[in-house]
Amino acid sequence: MSKSKFIINKFAKLFEQGMISYKDLSTEILNIIRSKRDEIVFKLKLAGKEEVEVVNKRLEKLERKIENLEKKKVKKVKKS
């Protein structure tokens, strides 16, 4: 009985170490993938969602101003 218990304990330790190393390996792979993703995003200089929304709002305001100026210009030309 003691020999079988000894063997079972050894297998349990091996299994436990295997699970721990598997978890470590998977977290390490995820960290590498995340860092590569961040590196690519940094190289491409991509903007975040909030930044894009702010730029779109500014663009809309400028387009409205341009339309208003064109309308005023057309009215002045017609008066002349």
PDB file of N, CA and C in Angstrom:
ATOM      1  N   MET A   1       0.819  -1.192   0.000  1.00  0.00           N
ATOM      2  CA  MET A   1       0.000   0.000   0.000  1.00  0.00           C
ATOM      3  C   MET A   1       0.860   1.250   0.000  1.00  0.00           C
ATOM      4  N   SER A   2       1.970   1.244   0.720  1.00  0.00           N
ATOM      5  CA  SER A   2       2.813   2.429   0.806  1.00  0.00           C
ATOM      6  C   SER A   2       3.488   2.730  -0.528  1.00  0.00           C
ATOM      7  N   LYS A   3       3.826   1.682  -1.301  1.00  0.00           N
ATOM      8  CA  LYS A   3       4.432   1.908  -2.618  1.00  0.00           C
ATOM      9  C   LYS A   3       3.429   2.538  -3.578  1.00  0.00           C
ATOM     10  N   SER A   4       2.217   2.066  -3.566  1.00  0.00           N
ATOM     11  CA  SER A   4       1.204   2.633  -4.457  1.00  0.00           C
ATOM     12  C   SER A   4       0.881   4.074  -4.059  1.00  0.00           C
ATOM     13  N   LYS A   5       0.845   4.341  -2.760  1.00  0.00           N
ATOM     14  CA  LYS A   5       0.600   5.706  -2.288  1.00  0.00           C
ATOM     15  C   LYS A   5       1.743   6.630  -2.696  1.00  0.00           C
ATOM     16  N   PHE A   6       2.959   6.131  -2.619  1.00  0.00           N
ATOM     17  CA  PHE A   6       4.134   6.899  -3.026  1.00  0.00           C
ATOM     18  C   PHE A   6       4.056   7.242  -4.519  1.00  0.00           C
ATOM     19  N   ILE A   7       3.690   6.266  -5.323  1.00  0.00           N
ATOM     20  CA  ILE A   7       3.584   6.477  -6.778  1.00  0.00           C
ATOM     21  C   ILE A   7       2.463   7.457  -7.088  1.00  0.00           C
ATOM     22  N   ILE A   8       1.337   7.320  -6.407  1.00  0.00           N
ATOM     23  CA  ILE A   8       0.202   8.227  -6.632  1.00  0.00           C
ATOM     24  C   ILE A   8       0.601   9.654  -6.249  1.00  0.00           C
ATOM     25  N   ASN A   9       1.313   9.821  -5.151  1.00  0.00           N
ATOM     26  CA  ASN A   9       1.764  11.160  -4.733  1.00  0.00           C
ATOM     27  C   ASN A   9       2.713  11.755  -5.760  1.00  0.00           C
ATOM     28  N   LYS A  10       3.609  10.945  -6.316  1.00  0.00           N
ATOM     29  CA  LYS A  10       4.542  11.442  -7.339  1.00  0.00           C
ATOM     30  C   LYS A  10       3.773  11.884  -8.585  1.00  0.00           C
ATOM     31  N   PHE A  11       2.782  11.061  -9.009  1.00  0.00           N
ATOM     32  CA  PHE A  11       1.976  11.443 -10.170  1.00  0.00           C
ATOM     33  C   PHE A  11       1.174  12.715  -9.895  1.00  0.00           C
ATOM     34  N   ALA A  12       0.684  12.858  -8.692  1.00  0.00           N
ATOM     35  CA  ALA A  12      -0.079  14.053  -8.323  1.00  0.00           C
ATOM     36  C   ALA A  12       0.807  15.296  -8.378  1.00  0.00           C
ATOM     37  N   LYS A  13       2.027  15.178  -7.882  1.00  0.00           N
ATOM     38  CA  LYS A  13       2.963  16.311  -7.938  1.00  0.00           C
ATOM     39  C   LYS A  13       3.310  16.660  -9.383  1.00  0.00           C
ATOM     40  N   LEU A  14       3.556  15.657 -10.209  1.00  0.00           N
ATOM     41  CA  LEU A  14       3.855  15.915 -11.618  1.00  0.00           C
ATOM     42  C   LEU A  14       2.681  16.592 -12.314  1.00  0.00           C
ATOM     43  N   PHE A  15       1.480  16.095 -12.027  1.00  0.00           N
ATOM     44  CA  PHE A  15       0.284  16.678 -12.631  1.00  0.00           C
ATOM     45  C   PHE A  15       0.109  18.126 -12.185  1.00  0.00           C
ATOM     46  N   GLU A  16       0.321  18.376 -10.893  1.00  0.00           N
ATOM     47  CA  GLU A  16       0.190  19.729 -10.351  1.00  0.00           C
ATOM     48  C   GLU A  16       1.204  20.677 -10.983  1.00  0.00           C
ATOM     49  N   GLN A  17       2.438  20.245 -11.112  1.00  0.00           N
ATOM     50  CA  GLN A  17       3.473  21.073 -11.732  1.00  0.00           C
ATOM     51  C   GLN A  17       3.165  21.319 -13.204  1.00  0.00           C
ATOM     52  N   GLY A  18       2.619  20.307 -13.858  1.00  0.00           N
ATOM     53  CA  GLY A  18       2.235  20.474 -15.261  1.00  0.00           C
ATOM     54  C   GLY A  18       1.146  21.503 -15.428  1.00  0.00           C
ATOM     55  N   MET A  19       0.161  21.502 -14.544  1.00  0.00           N
ATOM     56  CA  MET A  19      -0.928  22.476 -14.617  1.00  0.00           C
ATOM     57  C   MET A  19      -0.411  23.881 -14.351  1.00  0.00           C
ATOM     58  N   ILE A  20       0.471  24.012 -13.386  1.00  0.00           N
ATOM     59  CA  ILE A  20       1.025  25.333 -13.067  1.00  0.00           C
ATOM     60  C   ILE A  20       1.839  25.849 -14.245  1.00  0.00           C
ATOM     61  N   SER A  21       2.657  25.004 -14.830  1.00  0.00           N
ATOM     62  CA  SER A  21       3.473  25.448 -15.962  1.00  0.00           C
ATOM     63  C   SER A  21       2.597  25.745 -17.173  1.00  0.00           C
ATOM     64  N   TYR A  22       1.494  25.010 -17.346  1.00  0.00           N
ATOM     65  CA  TYR A  22       0.575  25.278 -18.453  1.00  0.00           C
ATOM     66  C   TYR A  22      -0.065  26.646 -18.280  1.00  0.00           C
ATOM     67  N   LYS A  23      -0.491  26.967 -17.051  1.00  0.00           N
ATOM     68  CA  LYS A  23      -1.091  28.277 -16.802  1.00  0.00           C
ATOM     69  C   LYS A  23      -0.070  29.387 -17.022  1.00  0.00           C
ATOM     70  N   ASP A  24       1.139  29.173 -16.565  1.00  0.00           N
ATOM     71  CA  ASP A  24       2.196  30.162 -16.771  1.00  0.00           C
ATOM     72  C   ASP A  24       2.477  30.359 -18.252  1.00  0.00           C
ATOM     73  N   LEU A  25       2.507  29.253 -18.975  1.00  0.00           N
ATOM     74  CA  LEU A  25       2.779  29.318 -20.406  1.00  0.00           C
ATOM     75  C   LEU A  25       1.664  30.069 -21.128  1.00  0.00           C
ATOM     76  N   SER A  26       0.422  29.777 -20.782  1.00  0.00           N
ATOM     77  CA  SER A  26      -0.692  30.446 -21.454  1.00  0.00           C
ATOM     78  C   SER A  26      -0.718  31.938 -21.133  1.00  0.00           C
ATOM     79  N   THR A  27      -0.445  32.315 -19.887  1.00  0.00           N
ATOM     80  CA  THR A  27      -0.428  33.745 -19.558  1.00  0.00           C
ATOM     81  C   THR A  27       0.740  34.441 -20.246  1.00  0.00           C
ATOM     82  N   GLU A  28       1.847  33.763 -20.371  1.00  0.00           N
ATOM     83  CA  GLU A  28       3.008  34.350 -21.057  1.00  0.00           C
ATOM     84  C   GLU A  28       2.698  34.570 -22.534  1.00  0.00           C
ATOM     85  N   ILE A  29       2.036  33.615 -23.162  1.00  0.00           N
ATOM     86  CA  ILE A  29       1.662  33.757 -24.574  1.00  0.00           C
ATOM     87  C   ILE A  29       0.699  34.924 -24.743  1.00  0.00           C
ATOM     88  N   LEU A  30      -0.277  35.044 -23.845  1.00  0.00           N
ATOM     89  CA  LEU A  30      -1.217  36.166 -23.918  1.00  0.00           C
ATOM     90  C   LEU A  30      -0.503  37.503 -23.737  1.00  0.00           C
ATOM     91  N   ASN A  31       0.448  37.566 -22.832  1.00  0.00           N
ATOM     92  CA  ASN A  31       1.208  38.806 -22.627  1.00  0.00           C
ATOM     93  C   ASN A  31       2.006  39.179 -23.867  1.00  0.00           C
ATOM     94  N   ILE A  32       2.600  38.196 -24.511  1.00  0.00           N
ATOM     95  CA  ILE A  32       3.370  38.461 -25.728  1.00  0.00           C
ATOM     96  C   ILE A  32       2.455  38.976 -26.832  1.00  0.00           C
ATOM     97  N   ILE A  33       1.301  38.352 -26.989  1.00  0.00           N
ATOM     98  CA  ILE A  33       0.352  38.778 -28.026  1.00  0.00           C
ATOM     99  C   ILE A  33      -0.142  40.190 -27.750  1.00  0.00           C
ATOM    100  N   ARG A  34      -0.463  40.497 -26.498  1.00  0.00           N
ATOM    101  CA  ARG A  34      -0.932  41.849 -26.155  1.00  0.00           C
ATOM    102  C   ARG A  34       0.145  42.898 -26.422  1.00  0.00           C
ATOM    103  N   SER A  35       1.379  42.575 -26.089  1.00  0.00           N
ATOM    104  CA  SER A  35       2.449  43.550 -26.312  1.00  0.00           C
ATOM    105  C   SER A  35       2.674  43.781 -27.798  1.00  0.00           C
ATOM    106  N   LYS A  36       2.586  42.726 -28.606  1.00  0.00           N
ATOM    107  CA  LYS A  36       2.728  42.887 -30.058  1.00  0.00           C
ATOM    108  C   LYS A  36       1.586  43.722 -30.617  1.00  0.00           C
ATOM    109  N   ARG A  37       0.361  43.497 -30.107  1.00  0.00           N
ATOM    110  CA  ARG A  37      -0.780  44.288 -30.561  1.00  0.00           C
ATOM    111  C   ARG A  37      -0.569  45.762 -30.232  1.00  0.00           C
ATOM    112  N   ASP A  38      -0.141  46.037 -29.003  1.00  0.00           N
ATOM    113  CA  ASP A  38       0.104  47.422 -28.592  1.00  0.00           C
ATOM    114  C   ASP A  38       1.211  48.059 -29.432  1.00  0.00           C
ATOM    115  N   GLU A  39       2.215  47.273 -29.745  1.00  0.00           N
ATOM    116  CA  GLU A  39       3.322  47.771 -30.564  1.00  0.00           C
ATOM    117  C   GLU A  39       2.833  48.141 -31.964  1.00  0.00           C
ATOM    118  N   ILE A  40       1.986  47.311 -32.549  1.00  0.00           N
ATOM    119  CA  ILE A  40       1.448  47.583 -33.888  1.00  0.00           C
ATOM    120  C   ILE A  40       0.569  48.820 -33.861  1.00  0.00           C
ATOM    121  N   VAL A  41      -0.284  48.942 -32.848  1.00  0.00           N
ATOM    122  CA  VAL A  41      -1.163  50.104 -32.730  1.00  0.00           C
ATOM    123  C   VAL A  41      -0.330  51.371 -32.589  1.00  0.00           C
ATOM    124  N   PHE A  42       0.739  51.307 -31.813  1.00  0.00           N
ATOM    125  CA  PHE A  42       1.603  52.471 -31.632  1.00  0.00           C
ATOM    126  C   PHE A  42       2.282  52.847 -32.946  1.00  0.00           C
ATOM    127  N   LYS A  43       2.741  51.852 -33.705  1.00  0.00           N
ATOM    128  CA  LYS A  43       3.407  52.140 -34.980  1.00  0.00           C
ATOM    129  C   LYS A  43       2.443  52.752 -35.982  1.00  0.00           C
ATOM    130  N   LEU A  44       1.198  52.291 -35.987  1.00  0.00           N
ATOM    131  CA  LEU A  44       0.213  52.809 -36.936  1.00  0.00           C
ATOM    132  C   LEU A  44      -0.363  54.152 -36.488  1.00  0.00           C
ATOM    133  N   LYS A  45      -0.088  54.525 -35.258  1.00  0.00           N
ATOM    134  CA  LYS A  45      -0.582  55.783 -34.682  1.00  0.00           C
ATOM    135  C   LYS A  45      -2.105  55.886 -34.795  1.00  0.00           C
ATOM    136  N   LEU A  46      -2.787  54.799 -34.432  1.00  0.00           N
ATOM    137  CA  LEU A  46      -4.241  54.770 -34.473  1.00  0.00           C
ATOM    138  C   LEU A  46      -4.813  55.603 -33.334  1.00  0.00           C
ATOM    139  N   ALA A  47      -5.938  56.238 -33.607  1.00  0.00           N
ATOM    140  CA  ALA A  47      -6.586  57.077 -32.601  1.00  0.00           C
ATOM    141  C   ALA A  47      -7.685  56.281 -31.911  1.00  0.00           C
ATOM    142  N   GLY A  48      -7.985  56.685 -30.704  1.00  0.00           N
ATOM    143  CA  GLY A  48      -9.043  56.046 -29.952  1.00  0.00           C
ATOM    144  C   GLY A  48     -10.408  56.545 -30.396  1.00  0.00           C
ATOM    145  N   LYS A  49     -11.450  55.894 -29.921  1.00  0.00           N
ATOM    146  CA  LYS A  49     -12.814  56.235 -30.303  1.00  0.00           C
ATOM    147  C   LYS A  49     -13.165  57.659 -29.909  1.00  0.00           C
ATOM    148  N   GLU A  50     -12.768  58.067 -28.709  1.00  0.00           N
ATOM    149  CA  GLU A  50     -13.086  59.414 -28.233  1.00  0.00           C
ATOM    150  C   GLU A  50     -12.407  60.468 -29.102  1.00  0.00           C
ATOM    151  N   GLU A  51     -11.157  60.214 -29.464  1.00  0.00           N
ATOM    152  CA  GLU A  51     -10.425  61.180 -30.289  1.00  0.00           C
ATOM    153  C   GLU A  51     -11.078  61.334 -31.654  1.00  0.00           C
ATOM    154  N   VAL A  52     -11.541  60.241 -32.219  1.00  0.00           N
ATOM    155  CA  VAL A  52     -12.195  60.284 -33.530  1.00  0.00           C
ATOM    156  C   VAL A  52     -13.495  61.071 -33.432  1.00  0.00           C
ATOM    157  N   GLU A  53     -14.259  60.873 -32.357  1.00  0.00           N
ATOM    158  CA  GLU A  53     -15.510  61.610 -32.188  1.00  0.00           C
ATOM    159  C   GLU A  53     -15.254  63.109 -32.072  1.00  0.00           C
ATOM    160  N   VAL A  54     -14.219  63.494 -31.343  1.00  0.00           N
ATOM    161  CA  VAL A  54     -13.893  64.913 -31.191  1.00  0.00           C
ATOM    162  C   VAL A  54     -13.506  65.513 -32.533  1.00  0.00           C
ATOM    163  N   VAL A  55     -12.709  64.796 -33.294  1.00  0.00           N
ATOM    164  CA  VAL A  55     -12.284  65.288 -34.609  1.00  0.00           C
ATOM    165  C   VAL A  55     -13.489  65.407 -35.543  1.00  0.00           C
ATOM    166  N   ASN A  56     -14.402  64.449 -35.493  1.00  0.00           N
ATOM    167  CA  ASN A  56     -15.597  64.510 -36.343  1.00  0.00           C
ATOM    168  C   ASN A  56     -16.456  65.715 -35.993  1.00  0.00           C
ATOM    169  N   LYS A  57     -16.610  66.013 -34.707  1.00  0.00           N
ATOM    170  CA  LYS A  57     -17.397  67.182 -34.297  1.00  0.00           C
ATOM    171  C   LYS A  57     -16.755  68.473 -34.776  1.00  0.00           C
ATOM    172  N   ARG A  58     -15.438  68.552 -34.655  1.00  0.00           N
ATOM    173  CA  ARG A  58     -14.740  69.755 -35.129  1.00  0.00           C
ATOM    174  C   ARG A  58     -14.895  69.907 -36.634  1.00  0.00           C
ATOM    175  N   LEU A  59     -14.826  68.799 -37.344  1.00  0.00           N
ATOM    176  CA  LEU A  59     -14.980  68.824 -38.805  1.00  0.00           C
ATOM    177  C   LEU A  59     -16.381  69.290 -39.191  1.00  0.00           C
ATOM    178  N   GLU A  60     -17.394  68.809 -38.483  1.00  0.00           N
ATOM    179  CA  GLU A  60     -18.763  69.241 -38.766  1.00  0.00           C
ATOM    180  C   GLU A  60     -18.922  70.739 -38.543  1.00  0.00           C
ATOM    181  N   LYS A  61     -18.350  71.261 -37.466  1.00  0.00           N
ATOM    182  CA  LYS A  61     -18.435  72.696 -37.194  1.00  0.00           C
ATOM    183  C   LYS A  61     -17.766  73.501 -38.305  1.00  0.00           C
ATOM    184  N   LEU A  62     -16.598  73.054 -38.738  1.00  0.00           N
ATOM    185  CA  LEU A  62     -15.894  73.760 -39.815  1.00  0.00           C
ATOM    186  C   LEU A  62     -16.681  73.714 -41.125  1.00  0.00           C
ATOM    187  N   GLU A  63     -17.305  72.593 -41.416  1.00  0.00           N
ATOM    188  CA  GLU A  63     -18.108  72.487 -42.642  1.00  0.00           C
ATOM    189  C   GLU A  63     -19.295  73.443 -42.592  1.00  0.00           C
ATOM    190  N   ARG A  64     -19.940  73.548 -41.414  1.00  0.00           N
ATOM    191  CA  ARG A  64     -21.055  74.496 -41.285  1.00  0.00           C
ATOM    192  C   ARG A  64     -20.590  75.930 -41.472  1.00  0.00           C
ATOM    193  N   LYS A  65     -19.419  76.266 -40.922  1.00  0.00           N
ATOM    194  CA  LYS A  65     -18.884  77.614 -41.082  1.00  0.00           C
ATOM    195  C   LYS A  65     -18.590  77.908 -42.549  1.00  0.00           C
ATOM    196  N   ILE A  66     -18.040  76.947 -43.244  1.00  0.00           N
ATOM    197  CA  ILE A  66     -17.731  77.131 -44.661  1.00  0.00           C
ATOM    198  C   ILE A  66     -19.017  77.343 -45.449  1.00  0.00           C
ATOM    199  N   GLU A  67     -20.047  76.567 -45.164  1.00  0.00           N
ATOM    200  CA  GLU A  67     -21.326  76.728 -45.856  1.00  0.00           C
ATOM    201  C   GLU A  67     -21.909  78.114 -45.598  1.00  0.00           C
ATOM    202  N   ASN A  68     -21.843  78.567 -44.356  1.00  0.00           N
ATOM    203  CA  ASN A  68     -22.366  79.901 -44.024  1.00  0.00           C
ATOM    204  C   ASN A  68     -21.588  80.984 -44.754  1.00  0.00           C
ATOM    205  N   LEU A  69     -20.272  80.863 -44.817  1.00  0.00           N
ATOM    206  CA  LEU A  69     -19.463  81.855 -45.528  1.00  0.00           C
ATOM    207  C   LEU A  69     -19.766  81.849 -47.019  1.00  0.00           C
ATOM    208  N   GLU A  70     -19.977  80.677 -47.587  1.00  0.00           N
ATOM    209  CA  GLU A  70     -20.304  80.600 -49.014  1.00  0.00           C
ATOM    210  C   GLU A  70     -21.660  81.240 -49.292  1.00  0.00           C
ATOM    211  N   LYS A  71     -22.625  81.023 -48.402  1.00  0.00           N
ATOM    212  CA  LYS A  71     -23.946  81.632 -48.570  1.00  0.00           C
ATOM    213  C   LYS A  71     -23.844  83.155 -48.504  1.00  0.00           C
ATOM    214  N   LYS A  72     -23.059  83.664 -47.551  1.00  0.00           N
ATOM    215  CA  LYS A  72     -22.882  85.115 -47.436  1.00  0.00           C
ATOM    216  C   LYS A  72     -22.201  85.663 -48.677  1.00  0.00           C
ATOM    217  N   LYS A  73     -21.233  84.932 -49.193  1.00  0.00           N
ATOM    218  CA  LYS A  73     -20.507  85.385 -50.380  1.00  0.00           C
ATOM    219  C   LYS A  73     -21.434  85.433 -51.586  1.00  0.00           C
ATOM    220  N   VAL A  74     -22.289  84.444 -51.718  1.00  0.00           N
ATOM    221  CA  VAL A  74     -23.220  84.395 -52.824  1.00  0.00           C
ATOM    222  C   VAL A  74     -24.205  85.558 -52.720  1.00  0.00           C
ATOM    223  N   LYS A  75     -24.668  85.861 -51.537  1.00  0.00           N
ATOM    224  CA  LYS A  75     -25.610  86.974 -51.350  1.00  0.00           C
ATOM    225  C   LYS A  75     -24.953  88.300 -51.711  1.00  0.00           C
ATOM    226  N   LYS A  76     -23.683  88.500 -51.342  1.00  0.00           N
ATOM    227  CA  LYS A  76     -22.976  89.729 -51.662  1.00  0.00           C
ATOM    228  C   LYS A  76     -22.771  89.866 -53.162  1.00  0.00           C
ATOM    229  N   VAL A  77     -22.467  88.772 -53.836  1.00  0.00           N
ATOM    230  CA  VAL A  77     -22.234  88.800 -55.281  1.00  0.00           C
ATOM    231  C   VAL A  77     -23.524  89.138 -56.005  1.00  0.00           C
ATOM    232  N   LYS A  78     -24.659  88.627 -55.560  1.00  0.00           N
ATOM    233  CA  LYS A  78     -25.936  88.899 -56.199  1.00  0.00           C
ATOM    234  C   LYS A  78     -26.336  90.357 -56.039  1.00  0.00           C
ATOM    235  N   LYS A  79     -25.964  90.981 -54.913  1.00  0.00           N
ATOM    236  CA  LYS A  79     -26.312  92.378 -54.674  1.00  0.00           C
ATOM    237  C   LYS A  79     -25.524  93.306 -55.603  1.00  0.00           C
ATOM    238  N   SER A  80     -24.341  92.914 -56.001  1.00  0.00           N
ATOM    239  CA  SER A  80     -23.503  93.789 -56.815  1.00  0.00           C
ATOM    240  C   SER A  80     -23.931  93.883 -58.211  1.00  0.00           C
TER     241      SER A  80
END
